[in-house]
Amino acid sequence: MPYETGATVRLTREVQVTEKGTAGLPGPLFLGEGLMGIVTGSAQEASTAASEHVALFDEQVRGFQFDASASYLINDLRQKVIRASGGGAGSGTQTLYRVRFENGFVLDGLEEGWLARV
């Protein structure tokens, strides 16, 4: 079930965090099952080419602090990069979510099956 921005969710499994703040790949930190948070964004992950374009975009904006309106614009640009890279429906896409957890940690790249609506 897709989650809209602002939905309250909880983790349904332990998630390993990478040094880049994304989920799923080996890293030094785990977030525990049951941790609650709020969905702050989502993105369609598509083909390898699209993923490479998004990674390049993320690399260019990483490390900067943005106010809320600039963050919204950057997320919008990120979505446009995904769509322009062939991340349309029917091309093997999946929705990945960005969640701000109650402990203040923000994690990007959470798969839909790793979350449950609260």
Protein backbone atom coordinates (compact mmCIF):
# COMPACT_ATOMS: atom_id res chain seq x y z
CA MET A 1 0.00 0.00 0.00
CA PRO A 2 1.56 3.36 -0.99
CA TYR A 3 2.16 5.91 1.75
CA GLU A 4 1.50 9.59 1.26
CA THR A 5 3.71 12.32 2.69
CA GLY A 6 2.74 12.87 6.33
CA ALA A 7 1.61 9.29 6.97
CA THR A 8 2.68 7.79 10.29
CA VAL A 9 4.49 4.49 9.78
CA ARG A 10 6.61 2.01 11.72
CA LEU A 11 9.45 -0.25 10.65
CA THR A 12 8.45 -3.88 10.19
CA ARG A 13 12.05 -5.14 10.33
CA GLU A 14 15.52 -4.08 11.42
CA VAL A 15 17.06 -1.82 8.79
CA GLN A 16 20.77 -1.46 8.26
CA VAL A 17 21.87 2.09 7.40
CA THR A 18 24.66 3.03 5.00
CA GLU A 19 27.15 5.81 5.49
CA LYS A 20 25.12 7.78 2.92
CA GLY A 21 21.95 7.63 5.06
CA THR A 22 20.10 5.17 2.88
CA ALA A 23 18.56 1.83 3.76
CA GLY A 24 19.32 -1.72 2.83
CA LEU A 25 23.06 -1.90 2.29
CA PRO A 26 25.68 -2.72 4.93
CA GLY A 27 26.55 0.09 7.28
CA PRO A 28 27.52 0.83 10.85
CA LEU A 29 24.03 1.56 12.20
CA PHE A 30 20.74 -0.32 12.53
CA LEU A 31 17.27 1.08 13.17
CA GLY A 32 15.11 -1.33 15.13
CA GLU A 33 11.85 -2.95 14.19
CA GLY A 34 8.85 -1.03 15.51
CA LEU A 35 10.49 2.42 15.36
CA MET A 36 7.81 4.95 14.38
CA GLY A 37 8.18 7.89 12.04
CA ILE A 38 6.51 10.15 9.49
CA VAL A 39 6.89 9.80 5.72
CA THR A 40 8.54 12.98 4.42
CA GLY A 41 8.90 11.96 0.78
CA SER A 42 8.99 9.20 -1.77
CA ALA A 43 10.64 8.44 -5.07
CA GLN A 44 10.27 5.91 -7.82
CA GLU A 45 13.39 3.84 -8.22
CA ALA A 46 13.80 2.62 -11.75
CA SER A 47 16.43 1.13 -13.99
CA THR A 48 20.15 1.21 -13.30
CA ALA A 49 20.54 4.23 -15.59
CA ALA A 50 17.89 6.13 -13.65
CA SER A 51 19.50 5.14 -10.36
CA GLU A 52 22.85 6.43 -11.60
CA HIS A 53 21.32 9.78 -12.57
CA VAL A 54 19.63 10.10 -9.19
CA ALA A 55 22.85 9.15 -7.40
CA LEU A 56 24.69 11.85 -9.35
CA PHE A 57 22.01 14.40 -8.43
CA ASP A 58 22.11 13.36 -4.76
CA GLU A 59 25.89 13.63 -4.72
CA GLN A 60 25.69 17.22 -5.96
CA VAL A 61 23.27 18.37 -3.22
CA ARG A 62 24.60 16.20 -0.36
CA GLY A 63 26.23 18.01 2.53
CA PHE A 64 24.22 21.22 2.26
CA GLN A 65 21.60 22.48 4.70
CA PHE A 66 18.43 23.75 3.01
CA ASP A 67 15.36 25.45 4.40
CA ALA A 68 11.97 23.76 3.98
CA SER A 69 11.03 25.43 0.70
CA ALA A 70 14.43 24.71 -0.89
CA SER A 71 14.19 21.09 0.29
CA TYR A 72 10.79 20.81 -1.37
CA LEU A 73 12.19 22.21 -4.64
CA ILE A 74 15.18 19.84 -4.50
CA ASN A 75 12.88 16.86 -3.93
CA ASP A 76 10.76 18.01 -6.88
CA LEU A 77 13.88 18.24 -9.06
CA ARG A 78 14.92 14.77 -7.90
CA GLN A 79 11.53 13.39 -8.99
CA LYS A 80 11.95 15.06 -12.39
CA VAL A 81 15.40 13.47 -12.78
CA ILE A 82 13.82 10.09 -12.03
CA ARG A 83 11.00 10.60 -14.54
CA ALA A 84 13.40 11.89 -17.22
CA SER A 85 15.65 8.87 -16.70
CA GLY A 86 12.95 6.40 -17.64
CA GLY A 87 11.47 5.82 -14.21
CA GLY A 88 7.92 5.75 -15.52
CA ALA A 89 5.26 3.22 -14.56
CA GLY A 90 5.67 -0.25 -15.98
CA SER A 91 9.45 -0.13 -16.27
CA GLY A 92 10.22 -2.23 -13.21
CA THR A 93 9.93 0.63 -10.74
CA GLN A 94 9.40 0.49 -7.01
CA THR A 95 8.55 3.26 -4.58
CA LEU A 96 11.16 4.09 -1.95
CA TYR A 97 10.32 6.29 1.02
CA ARG A 98 12.10 8.89 3.13
CA VAL A 99 11.01 8.75 6.79
CA ARG A 100 11.82 11.02 9.76
CA PHE A 101 11.79 8.77 12.81
CA GLU A 102 10.77 9.74 16.34
CA ASN A 103 14.42 9.65 17.40
CA GLY A 104 15.17 12.40 14.84
CA PHE A 105 16.95 10.16 12.35
CA VAL A 106 15.94 10.60 8.68
CA LEU A 107 16.35 7.58 6.45
CA ASP A 108 15.92 7.54 2.68
CA GLY A 109 15.42 4.49 0.47
CA LEU A 110 13.00 2.48 2.59
CA GLU A 111 11.05 -0.09 0.62
CA GLU A 112 7.28 -0.17 0.95
CA GLY A 113 7.34 -3.66 2.51
CA TRP A 114 9.62 -2.44 5.31
CA LEU A 115 6.91 -0.07 6.58
CA ALA A 116 3.45 -0.47 8.08
CA ARG A 117 0.84 2.22 8.61
CA VAL A 118 0.23 3.11 12.25
